[in-house]
């Protein structure tokens, strides 16, 4: 469990340390005092809860608290269902890319925890996206999920670069739950 000093909280919130002390002393910001000292400590989960309750930006804590998912595909029904199953209030941020080129740009700027590649954009393009991601050292730890079409065709390829596969049609709620489990094992989602 990560714990912050009032000075660290002040930097995150972009306020004076005295302001943080007032929040703490009034009971609005939960935490504890170091025994035998006046020093205050605020556990990470209490700080995040405080920031959310007061509509304050999470700042540098955002990357720690949000599960960021990039969906590469054009299936509007899938996109809408995923948005419904992975709402921001449950600590998910979903970005969408319609092509391999767009996926590369989004991955570089968004830094997703998980990238879902819908093979219905084209098997060759989808495999190229997966291979390019795995070659890039920034994305070696990124969870990669392939959504395979149920078109009766052969979907044989090297699956060692992909963490999970789902065959269409599938229950989007099941995919969302799997994402919570996979990302939750790597990040402390609040």
N, C-alpha and C. Protein backbone atom coordinates (compact mmCIF):
# COMPACT_ATOMS: atom_id res chain seq x y z
N UNK A 1 0.85 -1.18 0.00
CA UNK A 1 0.00 0.00 0.00
C UNK A 1 0.89 1.24 0.00
N UNK A 2 0.70 2.10 -0.97
CA UNK A 2 1.49 3.32 -1.08
C UNK A 2 0.90 4.40 -0.18
N UNK A 3 1.78 5.14 0.48
CA UNK A 3 1.36 6.18 1.42
C UNK A 3 2.07 7.48 1.04
N UNK A 4 1.35 8.61 1.15
CA UNK A 4 1.90 9.91 0.79
C UNK A 4 2.01 10.83 2.00
N UNK A 5 3.00 11.74 1.95
CA UNK A 5 3.11 12.79 2.95
C UNK A 5 2.21 13.94 2.52
N UNK A 6 1.98 14.91 3.41
CA UNK A 6 1.16 16.06 3.02
C UNK A 6 1.85 16.86 1.92
N UNK A 7 3.17 16.90 1.92
CA UNK A 7 3.90 17.60 0.87
C UNK A 7 3.72 16.95 -0.49
N UNK A 8 3.74 15.61 -0.51
CA UNK A 8 3.53 14.88 -1.78
C UNK A 8 2.10 15.08 -2.29
N UNK A 9 1.14 15.05 -1.36
CA UNK A 9 -0.26 15.26 -1.75
C UNK A 9 -0.43 16.68 -2.29
N UNK A 10 0.24 17.65 -1.66
CA UNK A 10 0.16 19.05 -2.11
C UNK A 10 0.66 19.18 -3.55
N UNK A 11 1.75 18.49 -3.88
CA UNK A 11 2.27 18.53 -5.26
C UNK A 11 1.29 17.92 -6.24
N UNK A 12 0.72 16.77 -5.87
CA UNK A 12 -0.24 16.09 -6.74
C UNK A 12 -1.46 16.97 -6.99
N UNK A 13 -1.95 17.62 -5.92
CA UNK A 13 -3.17 18.45 -6.01
C UNK A 13 -2.88 19.87 -6.45
N UNK A 14 -1.58 20.23 -6.52
CA UNK A 14 -1.17 21.58 -6.90
C UNK A 14 -1.75 22.63 -5.93
N UNK A 15 -1.59 22.35 -4.64
CA UNK A 15 -2.00 23.27 -3.58
C UNK A 15 -0.85 23.38 -2.57
N UNK A 16 -1.01 24.27 -1.61
CA UNK A 16 0.00 24.43 -0.56
C UNK A 16 -0.10 23.28 0.44
N UNK A 17 1.02 22.86 1.03
CA UNK A 17 0.98 21.79 2.05
C UNK A 17 0.03 22.11 3.20
N UNK A 18 -0.08 23.38 3.55
CA UNK A 18 -0.98 23.79 4.64
C UNK A 18 -2.44 23.46 4.29
N UNK A 19 -2.80 23.60 3.03
CA UNK A 19 -4.16 23.27 2.58
C UNK A 19 -4.44 21.79 2.81
N UNK A 20 -3.47 20.95 2.48
CA UNK A 20 -3.62 19.50 2.68
C UNK A 20 -3.78 19.21 4.17
N UNK A 21 -2.99 19.87 4.99
CA UNK A 21 -3.10 19.69 6.45
C UNK A 21 -4.48 20.06 6.94
N UNK A 22 -5.05 21.14 6.40
CA UNK A 22 -6.42 21.55 6.79
C UNK A 22 -7.44 20.49 6.38
N UNK A 23 -7.29 19.94 5.16
CA UNK A 23 -8.19 18.88 4.71
C UNK A 23 -8.11 17.69 5.67
N UNK A 24 -6.89 17.35 6.04
CA UNK A 24 -6.65 16.21 6.94
C UNK A 24 -7.25 16.48 8.32
N UNK A 25 -6.93 17.66 8.90
CA UNK A 25 -7.37 18.00 10.26
C UNK A 25 -8.89 18.12 10.35
N UNK A 26 -9.55 18.52 9.26
CA UNK A 26 -11.01 18.65 9.28
C UNK A 26 -11.70 17.30 9.07
N UNK A 27 -10.92 16.27 8.71
CA UNK A 27 -11.49 14.93 8.52
C UNK A 27 -11.95 14.65 7.11
N UNK A 28 -11.81 15.62 6.21
CA UNK A 28 -12.22 15.40 4.83
C UNK A 28 -11.27 14.46 4.09
N UNK A 29 -9.97 14.57 4.38
CA UNK A 29 -8.96 13.70 3.79
C UNK A 29 -8.50 12.73 4.86
N UNK A 30 -8.79 11.46 4.65
CA UNK A 30 -8.48 10.43 5.65
C UNK A 30 -7.01 10.03 5.61
N UNK A 31 -6.52 9.60 6.75
CA UNK A 31 -5.15 9.15 6.86
C UNK A 31 -4.82 8.90 8.32
N UNK A 32 -3.56 9.01 8.68
CA UNK A 32 -3.15 8.78 10.07
C UNK A 32 -1.94 9.64 10.39
N UNK A 33 -1.69 9.80 11.66
CA UNK A 33 -0.51 10.52 12.13
C UNK A 33 0.55 9.50 12.55
N UNK A 34 1.81 9.87 12.34
CA UNK A 34 2.92 9.03 12.77
C UNK A 34 2.97 9.12 14.31
N UNK A 35 2.98 7.99 15.02
CA UNK A 35 3.02 8.03 16.49
C UNK A 35 4.23 8.83 17.01
N UNK A 36 3.97 9.70 17.98
CA UNK A 36 5.02 10.52 18.57
C UNK A 36 5.43 11.70 17.70
N UNK A 37 4.63 12.00 16.68
CA UNK A 37 4.96 13.06 15.74
C UNK A 37 3.67 13.73 15.27
N UNK A 38 3.82 14.89 14.68
CA UNK A 38 2.66 15.57 14.09
C UNK A 38 2.53 15.26 12.60
N UNK A 39 3.47 14.49 12.07
CA UNK A 39 3.47 14.17 10.64
C UNK A 39 2.24 13.35 10.26
N UNK A 40 1.67 13.71 9.13
CA UNK A 40 0.47 13.03 8.63
C UNK A 40 0.85 12.16 7.44
N UNK A 41 0.14 11.05 7.28
CA UNK A 41 0.32 10.16 6.13
C UNK A 41 -1.05 9.85 5.54
N UNK A 42 -1.11 9.89 4.22
CA UNK A 42 -2.37 9.64 3.52
C UNK A 42 -2.18 8.43 2.61
N UNK A 43 -2.89 7.32 2.90
CA UNK A 43 -2.83 6.15 2.00
C UNK A 43 -3.39 6.49 0.62
N UNK A 44 -2.80 5.89 -0.39
CA UNK A 44 -3.15 6.13 -1.79
C UNK A 44 -4.65 6.02 -2.05
N UNK A 45 -5.28 4.95 -1.54
CA UNK A 45 -6.70 4.75 -1.81
C UNK A 45 -7.56 5.87 -1.24
N UNK A 46 -7.19 6.43 -0.08
CA UNK A 46 -7.94 7.55 0.52
C UNK A 46 -7.75 8.82 -0.31
N UNK A 47 -6.54 9.01 -0.81
CA UNK A 47 -6.27 10.18 -1.63
C UNK A 47 -7.09 10.12 -2.92
N UNK A 48 -7.08 8.98 -3.56
CA UNK A 48 -7.84 8.82 -4.81
C UNK A 48 -9.33 9.04 -4.56
N UNK A 49 -9.85 8.46 -3.49
CA UNK A 49 -11.26 8.64 -3.15
C UNK A 49 -11.58 10.12 -2.93
N UNK A 50 -10.71 10.82 -2.19
CA UNK A 50 -10.88 12.24 -1.92
C UNK A 50 -10.91 13.04 -3.23
N UNK A 51 -9.94 12.77 -4.11
CA UNK A 51 -9.88 13.50 -5.37
C UNK A 51 -11.13 13.27 -6.22
N UNK A 52 -11.59 12.03 -6.27
CA UNK A 52 -12.80 11.73 -7.06
C UNK A 52 -14.04 12.37 -6.46
N UNK A 53 -14.18 12.32 -5.12
CA UNK A 53 -15.35 12.91 -4.45
C UNK A 53 -15.44 14.41 -4.69
N UNK A 54 -14.29 15.05 -4.83
CA UNK A 54 -14.28 16.50 -5.00
C UNK A 54 -14.08 16.94 -6.45
N UNK A 55 -14.14 15.97 -7.36
CA UNK A 55 -14.04 16.29 -8.79
C UNK A 55 -12.70 16.87 -9.19
N UNK A 56 -11.66 16.50 -8.46
CA UNK A 56 -10.32 17.00 -8.74
C UNK A 56 -9.61 16.04 -9.69
N UNK A 57 -8.71 16.56 -10.54
CA UNK A 57 -7.98 15.66 -11.45
C UNK A 57 -7.05 14.75 -10.67
N UNK A 58 -6.89 13.54 -11.16
CA UNK A 58 -6.02 12.57 -10.51
C UNK A 58 -4.55 12.82 -10.80
N UNK A 59 -4.26 13.64 -11.80
CA UNK A 59 -2.88 13.99 -12.13
C UNK A 59 -2.03 12.77 -12.37
N UNK A 60 -0.88 12.70 -11.70
CA UNK A 60 0.05 11.59 -11.90
C UNK A 60 -0.49 10.26 -11.40
N UNK A 61 -1.57 10.28 -10.61
CA UNK A 61 -2.16 9.03 -10.12
C UNK A 61 -3.04 8.37 -11.18
N UNK A 62 -3.39 9.12 -12.23
CA UNK A 62 -4.31 8.59 -13.24
C UNK A 62 -3.80 7.29 -13.87
N UNK A 63 -2.53 7.25 -14.22
CA UNK A 63 -1.98 6.04 -14.85
C UNK A 63 -2.05 4.84 -13.92
N UNK A 64 -1.93 5.08 -12.61
CA UNK A 64 -1.99 3.99 -11.64
C UNK A 64 -3.41 3.49 -11.42
N UNK A 65 -4.40 4.37 -11.60
CA UNK A 65 -5.76 4.04 -11.20
C UNK A 65 -6.67 3.67 -12.35
N UNK A 66 -6.29 4.00 -13.58
CA UNK A 66 -7.15 3.72 -14.72
C UNK A 66 -6.64 2.52 -15.50
N UNK A 67 -7.56 1.70 -15.90
CA UNK A 67 -7.25 0.59 -16.81
C UNK A 67 -7.51 1.13 -18.21
N UNK A 68 -6.45 1.30 -18.99
CA UNK A 68 -6.59 1.89 -20.32
C UNK A 68 -6.60 0.78 -21.37
N UNK A 69 -7.66 0.80 -22.18
CA UNK A 69 -7.87 -0.24 -23.19
C UNK A 69 -7.98 0.42 -24.56
N UNK A 70 -7.22 -0.11 -25.52
CA UNK A 70 -7.30 0.37 -26.90
C UNK A 70 -7.94 -0.73 -27.74
N UNK A 71 -9.04 -0.40 -28.39
CA UNK A 71 -9.73 -1.35 -29.27
C UNK A 71 -9.41 -0.97 -30.71
N UNK A 72 -8.84 -1.90 -31.45
CA UNK A 72 -8.54 -1.69 -32.86
C UNK A 72 -9.60 -2.43 -33.64
N UNK A 73 -10.52 -1.69 -34.23
CA UNK A 73 -11.61 -2.30 -34.98
C UNK A 73 -12.62 -1.27 -35.43
N UNK A 74 -13.59 -1.74 -36.21
CA UNK A 74 -14.59 -0.83 -36.77
C UNK A 74 -16.02 -1.26 -36.44
N UNK A 75 -16.19 -2.33 -35.67
CA UNK A 75 -17.51 -2.86 -35.33
C UNK A 75 -18.17 -1.94 -34.31
N UNK A 76 -19.09 -1.09 -34.78
CA UNK A 76 -19.72 -0.09 -33.92
C UNK A 76 -20.50 -0.70 -32.75
N UNK A 77 -21.15 -1.83 -33.00
CA UNK A 77 -21.90 -2.50 -31.93
C UNK A 77 -20.94 -2.97 -30.83
N UNK A 78 -19.82 -3.53 -31.23
CA UNK A 78 -18.80 -3.97 -30.27
C UNK A 78 -18.27 -2.78 -29.47
N UNK A 79 -17.98 -1.68 -30.16
CA UNK A 79 -17.46 -0.48 -29.51
C UNK A 79 -18.45 0.03 -28.47
N UNK A 80 -19.73 0.14 -28.85
CA UNK A 80 -20.75 0.63 -27.92
C UNK A 80 -20.93 -0.31 -26.73
N UNK A 81 -20.93 -1.61 -26.99
CA UNK A 81 -21.08 -2.58 -25.89
C UNK A 81 -19.89 -2.53 -24.93
N UNK A 82 -18.69 -2.37 -25.47
CA UNK A 82 -17.51 -2.27 -24.60
C UNK A 82 -17.54 -0.99 -23.78
N UNK A 83 -17.97 0.11 -24.39
CA UNK A 83 -18.09 1.37 -23.65
C UNK A 83 -19.08 1.22 -22.50
N UNK A 84 -20.14 0.47 -22.75
CA UNK A 84 -21.16 0.26 -21.70
C UNK A 84 -20.61 -0.63 -20.58
N UNK A 85 -19.84 -1.66 -20.96
CA UNK A 85 -19.31 -2.61 -19.98
C UNK A 85 -18.08 -2.09 -19.22
N UNK A 86 -17.38 -1.13 -19.81
CA UNK A 86 -16.15 -0.59 -19.20
C UNK A 86 -16.28 0.92 -19.01
N UNK A 87 -17.21 1.34 -18.14
CA UNK A 87 -17.44 2.78 -17.98
C UNK A 87 -16.31 3.46 -17.19
N UNK A 88 -16.11 4.75 -17.43
CA UNK A 88 -15.07 5.50 -16.71
C UNK A 88 -15.25 5.44 -15.19
N UNK A 89 -16.49 5.41 -14.72
CA UNK A 89 -16.71 5.37 -13.27
C UNK A 89 -16.25 4.05 -12.65
N UNK A 90 -15.98 3.05 -13.48
CA UNK A 90 -15.40 1.79 -12.98
C UNK A 90 -13.92 1.73 -13.30
N UNK A 91 -13.34 2.92 -13.51
CA UNK A 91 -11.90 3.10 -13.71
C UNK A 91 -11.37 2.54 -15.04
N UNK A 92 -12.19 2.65 -16.08
CA UNK A 92 -11.73 2.23 -17.40
C UNK A 92 -11.76 3.42 -18.35
N UNK A 93 -10.76 3.45 -19.21
CA UNK A 93 -10.70 4.46 -20.26
C UNK A 93 -10.51 3.71 -21.56
N UNK A 94 -11.45 3.87 -22.48
CA UNK A 94 -11.43 3.13 -23.74
C UNK A 94 -11.13 4.08 -24.90
N UNK A 95 -10.15 3.72 -25.69
CA UNK A 95 -9.84 4.46 -26.92
C UNK A 95 -10.06 3.50 -28.09
N UNK A 96 -10.39 4.07 -29.25
CA UNK A 96 -10.69 3.25 -30.42
C UNK A 96 -9.83 3.71 -31.59
N UNK A 97 -9.29 2.74 -32.32
CA UNK A 97 -8.54 3.00 -33.55
C UNK A 97 -9.17 2.16 -34.65
N UNK A 98 -9.36 2.75 -35.83
CA UNK A 98 -10.03 2.04 -36.92
C UNK A 98 -9.06 1.31 -37.85
N UNK A 99 -7.77 1.62 -37.75
CA UNK A 99 -6.80 1.00 -38.66
C UNK A 99 -5.48 0.76 -37.94
N UNK A 100 -4.59 0.06 -38.61
CA UNK A 100 -3.28 -0.21 -38.04
C UNK A 100 -2.48 1.06 -37.82
N UNK A 101 -2.56 1.98 -38.77
CA UNK A 101 -1.84 3.25 -38.66
C UNK A 101 -2.34 4.02 -37.44
N UNK A 102 -3.66 4.13 -37.33
CA UNK A 102 -4.28 4.83 -36.20
C UNK A 102 -3.94 4.13 -34.88
N UNK A 103 -3.89 2.80 -34.90
CA UNK A 103 -3.55 2.03 -33.70
C UNK A 103 -2.15 2.38 -33.21
N UNK A 104 -1.21 2.52 -34.14
CA UNK A 104 0.16 2.87 -33.77
C UNK A 104 0.23 4.24 -33.11
N UNK A 105 -0.46 5.19 -33.68
CA UNK A 105 -0.48 6.55 -33.12
C UNK A 105 -1.13 6.54 -31.74
N UNK A 106 -2.29 5.87 -31.63
CA UNK A 106 -3.02 5.80 -30.34
C UNK A 106 -2.18 5.10 -29.28
N UNK A 107 -1.53 3.99 -29.65
CA UNK A 107 -0.74 3.23 -28.68
C UNK A 107 0.39 4.09 -28.11
N UNK A 108 1.04 4.87 -28.97
CA UNK A 108 2.16 5.72 -28.54
C UNK A 108 1.70 6.82 -27.58
N UNK A 109 0.55 7.42 -27.85
CA UNK A 109 0.10 8.54 -27.02
C UNK A 109 -0.74 8.10 -25.82
N UNK A 110 -1.50 7.03 -25.96
CA UNK A 110 -2.45 6.58 -24.93
C UNK A 110 -1.81 5.64 -23.90
N UNK A 111 -0.77 4.93 -24.29
CA UNK A 111 -0.08 3.95 -23.42
C UNK A 111 -1.07 2.98 -22.76
N UNK A 112 -1.76 2.18 -23.58
CA UNK A 112 -2.79 1.28 -23.03
C UNK A 112 -2.20 0.11 -22.24
N UNK A 113 -3.00 -0.37 -21.28
CA UNK A 113 -2.64 -1.58 -20.54
C UNK A 113 -2.98 -2.81 -21.36
N UNK A 114 -4.00 -2.66 -22.22
CA UNK A 114 -4.47 -3.77 -23.04
C UNK A 114 -4.86 -3.26 -24.42
N UNK A 115 -4.51 -4.02 -25.43
CA UNK A 115 -4.91 -3.69 -26.80
C UNK A 115 -5.71 -4.87 -27.33
N UNK A 116 -6.92 -4.56 -27.78
CA UNK A 116 -7.81 -5.57 -28.35
C UNK A 116 -7.81 -5.36 -29.86
N UNK A 117 -7.42 -6.40 -30.59
CA UNK A 117 -7.38 -6.31 -32.06
C UNK A 117 -8.49 -7.17 -32.62
N UNK A 118 -9.44 -6.51 -33.31
CA UNK A 118 -10.55 -7.20 -33.96
C UNK A 118 -10.08 -7.64 -35.34
N UNK A 119 -9.96 -8.95 -35.53
CA UNK A 119 -9.45 -9.49 -36.80
C UNK A 119 -10.40 -9.27 -37.96
N UNK A 120 -11.60 -8.76 -37.71
CA UNK A 120 -12.52 -8.49 -38.82
C UNK A 120 -12.06 -7.27 -39.64
N UNK A 121 -11.03 -6.54 -39.17
CA UNK A 121 -10.47 -5.45 -39.99
C UNK A 121 -9.63 -6.01 -41.13
N UNK A 122 -9.36 -7.30 -41.05
CA UNK A 122 -8.54 -7.97 -42.06
C UNK A 122 -7.44 -8.74 -41.35
N UNK A 123 -7.35 -10.01 -41.67
CA UNK A 123 -6.41 -10.89 -40.97
C UNK A 123 -4.97 -10.42 -41.11
N UNK A 124 -4.57 -10.02 -42.30
CA UNK A 124 -3.19 -9.59 -42.55
C UNK A 124 -2.87 -8.33 -41.75
N UNK A 125 -3.77 -7.35 -41.80
CA UNK A 125 -3.55 -6.09 -41.06
C UNK A 125 -3.53 -6.35 -39.56
N UNK A 126 -4.45 -7.18 -39.08
CA UNK A 126 -4.52 -7.49 -37.65
C UNK A 126 -3.24 -8.17 -37.16
N UNK A 127 -2.75 -9.15 -37.93
CA UNK A 127 -1.51 -9.82 -37.56
C UNK A 127 -0.32 -8.86 -37.60
N UNK A 128 -0.32 -7.97 -38.56
CA UNK A 128 0.75 -6.97 -38.67
C UNK A 128 0.75 -6.06 -37.43
N UNK A 129 -0.43 -5.66 -36.97
CA UNK A 129 -0.56 -4.83 -35.77
C UNK A 129 0.03 -5.57 -34.57
N UNK A 130 -0.36 -6.83 -34.41
CA UNK A 130 0.12 -7.63 -33.29
C UNK A 130 1.64 -7.79 -33.33
N UNK A 131 2.18 -8.08 -34.51
CA UNK A 131 3.63 -8.26 -34.64
C UNK A 131 4.38 -6.96 -34.36
N UNK A 132 3.88 -5.85 -34.87
CA UNK A 132 4.53 -4.56 -34.64
C UNK A 132 4.52 -4.20 -33.15
N UNK A 133 3.42 -4.48 -32.48
CA UNK A 133 3.35 -4.18 -31.06
C UNK A 133 4.35 -5.01 -30.26
N UNK A 134 4.44 -6.29 -30.59
CA UNK A 134 5.35 -7.16 -29.85
C UNK A 134 6.83 -6.85 -30.14
N UNK A 135 7.11 -6.30 -31.30
CA UNK A 135 8.49 -5.92 -31.63
C UNK A 135 8.93 -4.67 -30.87
N UNK A 136 7.97 -3.82 -30.54
CA UNK A 136 8.26 -2.57 -29.84
C UNK A 136 8.43 -2.85 -28.35
N UNK A 137 9.59 -2.53 -27.80
CA UNK A 137 9.90 -2.85 -26.40
C UNK A 137 8.96 -2.14 -25.43
N UNK A 138 8.35 -1.02 -25.83
CA UNK A 138 7.41 -0.33 -24.96
C UNK A 138 6.14 -1.15 -24.70
N UNK A 139 5.84 -2.08 -25.58
CA UNK A 139 4.57 -2.81 -25.49
C UNK A 139 4.74 -4.30 -25.21
N UNK A 140 5.92 -4.71 -24.78
CA UNK A 140 6.13 -6.14 -24.52
C UNK A 140 5.28 -6.63 -23.35
N UNK A 141 4.97 -5.77 -22.40
CA UNK A 141 4.15 -6.16 -21.25
C UNK A 141 2.66 -5.86 -21.45
N UNK A 142 2.32 -5.20 -22.55
CA UNK A 142 0.92 -4.86 -22.82
C UNK A 142 0.13 -6.12 -23.14
N UNK A 143 -1.04 -6.23 -22.53
CA UNK A 143 -1.91 -7.38 -22.77
C UNK A 143 -2.48 -7.24 -24.18
N UNK A 144 -2.41 -8.32 -24.94
CA UNK A 144 -2.89 -8.31 -26.32
C UNK A 144 -3.98 -9.37 -26.48
N UNK A 145 -5.17 -8.90 -26.89
CA UNK A 145 -6.31 -9.80 -27.06
C UNK A 145 -6.76 -9.75 -28.52
N UNK A 146 -6.97 -10.92 -29.10
CA UNK A 146 -7.42 -11.01 -30.49
C UNK A 146 -8.89 -11.44 -30.50
N UNK A 147 -9.69 -10.73 -31.30
CA UNK A 147 -11.10 -11.09 -31.51
C UNK A 147 -11.16 -11.73 -32.89
N UNK A 148 -11.38 -13.03 -32.91
CA UNK A 148 -11.35 -13.78 -34.16
C UNK A 148 -12.75 -13.93 -34.75
N UNK A 149 -12.90 -13.73 -36.05
CA UNK A 149 -14.22 -13.88 -36.67
C UNK A 149 -14.60 -15.36 -36.78
N UNK A 150 -15.89 -15.61 -36.65
CA UNK A 150 -16.39 -16.98 -36.81
C UNK A 150 -16.90 -17.11 -38.25
N UNK A 151 -15.94 -17.08 -39.18
CA UNK A 151 -16.32 -17.13 -40.60
C UNK A 151 -16.10 -18.51 -41.21
N UNK A 152 -15.78 -19.47 -40.36
CA UNK A 152 -15.58 -20.83 -40.84
C UNK A 152 -14.21 -21.05 -41.45
N UNK A 153 -13.48 -19.96 -41.67
CA UNK A 153 -12.14 -20.07 -42.26
C UNK A 153 -11.11 -20.48 -41.22
N UNK A 154 -9.97 -20.83 -41.69
CA UNK A 154 -8.87 -21.23 -40.81
C UNK A 154 -8.23 -19.99 -40.20
N UNK A 155 -8.04 -20.01 -38.90
CA UNK A 155 -7.39 -18.88 -38.22
C UNK A 155 -6.10 -19.37 -37.58
N UNK A 156 -5.29 -20.04 -38.36
CA UNK A 156 -4.03 -20.55 -37.82
C UNK A 156 -2.94 -19.51 -38.01
N UNK A 157 -2.29 -19.19 -36.91
CA UNK A 157 -1.16 -18.27 -36.91
C UNK A 157 -0.44 -18.45 -35.57
N UNK A 158 0.71 -17.83 -35.44
CA UNK A 158 1.50 -17.93 -34.21
C UNK A 158 0.79 -17.16 -33.10
N UNK A 159 0.20 -17.89 -32.17
CA UNK A 159 -0.56 -17.25 -31.09
C UNK A 159 0.30 -16.90 -29.88
N UNK A 160 1.59 -17.15 -29.96
CA UNK A 160 2.45 -16.89 -28.80
C UNK A 160 2.54 -15.40 -28.47
N UNK A 161 2.28 -14.55 -29.45
CA UNK A 161 2.35 -13.11 -29.21
C UNK A 161 1.07 -12.55 -28.61
N UNK A 162 0.02 -13.36 -28.56
CA UNK A 162 -1.29 -12.91 -28.08
C UNK A 162 -1.59 -13.56 -26.74
N UNK A 163 -2.07 -12.75 -25.79
CA UNK A 163 -2.38 -13.25 -24.45
C UNK A 163 -3.69 -14.05 -24.42
N UNK A 164 -4.71 -13.57 -25.13
CA UNK A 164 -6.03 -14.21 -25.11
C UNK A 164 -6.68 -14.08 -26.48
N UNK A 165 -7.58 -15.02 -26.78
CA UNK A 165 -8.39 -14.90 -27.99
C UNK A 165 -9.85 -15.12 -27.63
N UNK A 166 -10.71 -14.41 -28.33
CA UNK A 166 -12.16 -14.59 -28.21
C UNK A 166 -12.68 -14.80 -29.62
N UNK A 167 -13.56 -15.77 -29.78
CA UNK A 167 -14.13 -16.05 -31.09
C UNK A 167 -15.52 -15.42 -31.15
N UNK A 168 -15.76 -14.65 -32.20
CA UNK A 168 -17.06 -14.00 -32.37
C UNK A 168 -18.11 -15.01 -32.79
N UNK A 169 -19.33 -14.87 -32.39
CA UNK A 169 -19.84 -13.91 -31.42
C UNK A 169 -19.51 -14.36 -30.00
N UNK A 170 -19.34 -13.41 -29.10
CA UNK A 170 -19.05 -13.71 -27.71
C UNK A 170 -19.77 -12.70 -26.83
N UNK A 171 -19.84 -12.98 -25.55
CA UNK A 171 -20.49 -12.10 -24.60
C UNK A 171 -19.50 -11.00 -24.20
N UNK A 172 -19.84 -9.75 -24.50
CA UNK A 172 -18.95 -8.63 -24.20
C UNK A 172 -18.73 -8.51 -22.69
N UNK A 173 -19.72 -8.87 -21.90
CA UNK A 173 -19.57 -8.83 -20.44
C UNK A 173 -18.46 -9.79 -19.99
N UNK A 174 -18.34 -10.92 -20.67
CA UNK A 174 -17.28 -11.88 -20.37
C UNK A 174 -15.90 -11.29 -20.71
N UNK A 175 -15.81 -10.61 -21.84
CA UNK A 175 -14.56 -9.93 -22.22
C UNK A 175 -14.22 -8.85 -21.19
N UNK A 176 -15.21 -8.07 -20.79
CA UNK A 176 -14.98 -7.00 -19.81
C UNK A 176 -14.49 -7.57 -18.48
N UNK A 177 -15.08 -8.68 -18.06
CA UNK A 177 -14.65 -9.31 -16.81
C UNK A 177 -13.22 -9.83 -16.93
N UNK A 178 -12.90 -10.39 -18.08
CA UNK A 178 -11.53 -10.89 -18.30
C UNK A 178 -10.53 -9.73 -18.27
N UNK A 179 -10.91 -8.59 -18.84
CA UNK A 179 -10.06 -7.40 -18.81
C UNK A 179 -9.83 -6.94 -17.37
N UNK A 180 -10.89 -6.93 -16.58
CA UNK A 180 -10.75 -6.53 -15.17
C UNK A 180 -9.76 -7.45 -14.45
N UNK A 181 -9.85 -8.74 -14.73
CA UNK A 181 -8.95 -9.71 -14.09
C UNK A 181 -7.52 -9.53 -14.56
N UNK A 182 -7.32 -9.46 -15.89
CA UNK A 182 -5.95 -9.37 -16.43
C UNK A 182 -5.27 -8.06 -16.03
N UNK A 183 -5.97 -6.95 -16.17
CA UNK A 183 -5.37 -5.65 -15.83
C UNK A 183 -5.27 -5.52 -14.31
N UNK A 184 -6.27 -6.00 -13.59
CA UNK A 184 -6.26 -5.93 -12.13
C UNK A 184 -5.11 -6.71 -11.51
N UNK A 185 -4.62 -7.73 -12.20
CA UNK A 185 -3.48 -8.49 -11.67
C UNK A 185 -2.17 -7.71 -11.81
N UNK A 186 -2.18 -6.68 -12.64
CA UNK A 186 -0.96 -5.88 -12.86
C UNK A 186 -1.05 -4.50 -12.23
N UNK A 187 -2.27 -4.01 -12.04
CA UNK A 187 -2.49 -2.66 -11.52
C UNK A 187 -3.42 -2.73 -10.34
N UNK A 188 -3.25 -1.79 -9.42
CA UNK A 188 -4.14 -1.71 -8.27
C UNK A 188 -5.27 -0.77 -8.63
N UNK A 189 -6.35 -1.31 -9.19
CA UNK A 189 -7.49 -0.49 -9.58
C UNK A 189 -8.35 -0.18 -8.37
N UNK A 190 -8.76 1.07 -8.27
CA UNK A 190 -9.58 1.48 -7.12
C UNK A 190 -11.02 1.58 -7.55
